[in-house]
Amino acid sequence: VLRDDFRQPPGDVAVAAGDPAVLECVPPRGHPQPSVSWKKDGTRLGDEDERLTMRGGKLMLANARKSDAGVYVCVATNVAGERDSEPAQLVVF
């Protein structure tokens, strides 16, 4: 089972370049408990960027750069399927 409604979708975030950025997401209820991953501008984020940390529903970005700006989506996944959150904008100024 995977419900449609995210308990907390990510919100828009604005940070200064060089500062950390945090996007938070609480996935929908599901059985089994869904795992959370993230997409930026439609592309799934991996862990190849050492500045990125994904823990629980949080996406933490150390030392934000202009290139990190974009549209982020929280993705909840379990055996029942996949759900995308509403998009959130990260602005780096």
Protein backbone atom coordinates (compact mmCIF):
# COMPACT_ATOMS: atom_id res chain seq x y z
CA VAL A 1 0.00 0.00 0.00
CA LEU A 2 1.20 3.52 -0.77
CA ARG A 3 -1.07 6.47 -0.07
CA ASP A 4 -1.13 9.48 -2.38
CA ASP A 5 -0.75 12.27 0.14
CA PHE A 6 2.67 13.36 1.34
CA ARG A 7 2.53 14.10 5.06
CA GLN A 8 4.96 16.97 4.43
CA PRO A 9 5.88 17.92 0.87
CA PRO A 10 9.10 19.89 0.43
CA GLY A 11 8.80 23.66 0.49
CA ASP A 12 10.64 26.30 -1.50
CA VAL A 13 14.06 27.23 -0.10
CA ALA A 14 16.32 30.22 -0.77
CA VAL A 15 19.94 30.25 0.45
CA ALA A 16 23.08 32.26 -0.17
CA ALA A 17 25.84 30.59 -2.19
CA GLY A 18 28.17 28.77 0.20
CA ASP A 19 25.48 28.19 2.82
CA PRO A 20 23.91 24.81 3.53
CA ALA A 21 20.45 24.09 2.11
CA VAL A 22 17.95 21.60 3.55
CA LEU A 23 14.82 20.30 1.83
CA GLU A 24 12.50 18.23 4.00
CA CYS A 25 9.89 15.71 3.01
CA VAL A 26 7.69 13.33 4.98
CA PRO A 27 6.50 10.60 2.61
CA PRO A 28 2.95 9.24 2.50
CA ARG A 29 2.06 6.38 4.79
CA GLY A 30 2.68 3.02 3.20
CA HIS A 31 3.21 -0.65 3.89
CA PRO A 32 6.04 -1.42 3.73
CA GLN A 33 7.36 1.98 4.84
CA PRO A 34 8.35 3.86 1.65
CA SER A 35 11.92 4.89 1.03
CA VAL A 36 12.64 8.47 -0.02
CA SER A 37 14.80 9.64 -2.88
CA TRP A 38 15.04 12.97 -4.68
CA LYS A 39 14.96 14.30 -8.22
CA LYS A 40 16.38 17.61 -9.40
CA ASP A 41 14.94 19.02 -12.62
CA GLY A 42 13.55 15.56 -13.42
CA THR A 43 16.80 13.63 -12.85
CA ARG A 44 17.22 11.24 -9.92
CA LEU A 45 19.93 12.35 -7.50
CA GLY A 46 22.58 9.79 -6.62
CA ASP A 47 25.19 9.84 -3.91
CA GLU A 48 28.10 10.64 -6.21
CA ASP A 49 28.12 14.27 -5.04
CA GLU A 50 29.85 14.33 -1.66
CA ARG A 51 28.09 17.61 -0.78
CA LEU A 52 24.70 15.82 -0.82
CA THR A 53 23.34 13.90 2.14
CA MET A 54 20.00 12.10 2.03
CA ARG A 55 18.84 10.97 5.45
CA GLY A 56 15.28 10.04 6.22
CA GLY A 57 13.20 12.54 4.29
CA LYS A 58 15.85 15.25 4.34
CA LEU A 59 18.02 16.34 1.48
CA MET A 60 20.98 18.27 2.88
CA LEU A 61 23.27 20.19 0.60
CA ALA A 62 26.50 21.48 2.11
CA ASN A 63 27.96 24.58 0.50
CA ALA A 64 25.18 25.40 -2.00
CA ARG A 65 26.27 26.53 -5.47
CA LYS A 66 24.42 28.41 -8.19
CA SER A 67 24.32 25.14 -10.14
CA ASP A 68 22.28 23.53 -7.32
CA ALA A 69 19.36 25.87 -7.99
CA GLY A 70 16.40 24.17 -9.61
CA VAL A 71 13.20 22.25 -9.05
CA TYR A 72 13.37 19.39 -6.54
CA VAL A 73 10.84 16.59 -6.11
CA CYS A 74 10.68 14.11 -3.25
CA VAL A 75 9.98 10.54 -4.43
CA ALA A 76 8.45 7.92 -2.13
CA THR A 77 8.92 4.32 -3.27
CA ASN A 78 7.81 0.91 -2.03
CA VAL A 79 6.61 -2.33 -3.62
CA ALA A 80 3.19 -0.74 -4.30
CA GLY A 81 4.78 1.89 -6.55
CA GLU A 82 6.19 5.38 -6.61
CA ARG A 83 4.75 8.80 -5.75
CA ASP A 84 6.23 12.20 -6.56
CA SER A 85 5.67 15.16 -4.25
CA GLU A 86 4.70 18.61 -5.44
CA PRO A 87 7.85 20.34 -6.75
CA ALA A 88 9.89 22.69 -4.56
CA GLN A 89 12.18 25.44 -5.86
CA LEU A 90 15.72 25.87 -4.54
CA VAL A 91 17.05 29.36 -5.17
CA VAL A 92 20.76 30.10 -4.64
CA PHE A 93 21.70 33.78 -4.61
